[in-house]
């Protein structure tokens, strides 16, 4: 019998598989993915300080590109922030993992039925294991109230060099269009760049033709012209305002378990943490694993309570076109605090400083009502 069946070849299960290959040759497992490749159509980025130095050692190998710093720009000025920044493209994620997984990987294989210890495939075959880990993401809309971080990204090749030395994580000078909007740029080489139009908005609607036009306009204003669009990705990530941690009825990993940063929507640091913890377990029996994962998910959800408070102030306290001022104010903090924010590890003193600096950007009565609204 297998020890583990990993259903879904996304980030959480992919990182777990990578860690098992490195540290647990004794564990028998298989990964099942309905699509033709692992990772889907995504770009995952992270700061070097989002993970521990030991985790960065094994994670860095999966990175498609790394930079020593990154920039942010607002109408009040720009800033270069030190520290490594890394990005993983799903195509690189796929080939690096698939090369190592070999016969442990089943692509183009659909799971039609699943329990905590077995899966039935579309072929009629049934596989059994001590535990089945579901990493396929949200099966329905989250139950908790939320706003959305939504984006359209175009991976393009330009006719001339773009001139970027490092990623531009936020260009907040752009027109806001009734949300907190910024443009994000990742330079893969001197002419190829991923450009994303990102919004913190109240709804999940994506008008893709309009967003494509805005990105083209943005590049034109920088004196750049697109030669080829290689890839397009889009998503609307739920940003929780209140609510309780998901209750896991069977082993579940990734965003469906609530394992993401409540404000940024980033899931990679927490997928790394879980991969390390899971790979170190002595037992993979579903009866033990389900309560353990519930505890892990609840502990993480509690750690994100301050970020959900910030989300309420952002979505319920600030006028949509003024939300940019909250982030503009945030980037005046020192670099270590910014790093702890993205890692989801703010101290109590940090939270007070974040609230104090952000206070002028949201009127007091509205901030109070938003912070304490259910």
Foldseek 3Di string as FASTA:
>chain_A
DAAEEEEAQAQLVLLLLLLCLVFPPPHGYAYEHQAQWGHPFDKAKDFPLLADPVLCVSVVVQFLDKDQWEKEAAPVGIDIFGGMMTMHGRVSSGVVSCVSCPVSYDYSWDFPDDDQFWTAIPVRDIDGHLGYEYEHPDPDDDPFQFWWKKKKKWWFFWPFFLPDRAKHQFHQHDQQVFFRWTWTWGDSDRGTIIIMIITRGRDFDDPPVVRVVVVQVVQVVSVIDTPDGPDMDIGIATQGQDDAFDQDPWHYDDVNRVQAQNQPRRRNSSSSVVSVVVSPDPHSRGVVRRVVSNVVSRVNVVLRLLVSLVRLCLHFFAGRSLSNVLVVQVVVDDNVLVSCSSSSNHDPVSSVVSCVSNDVSGDDVRSVCSNPPD
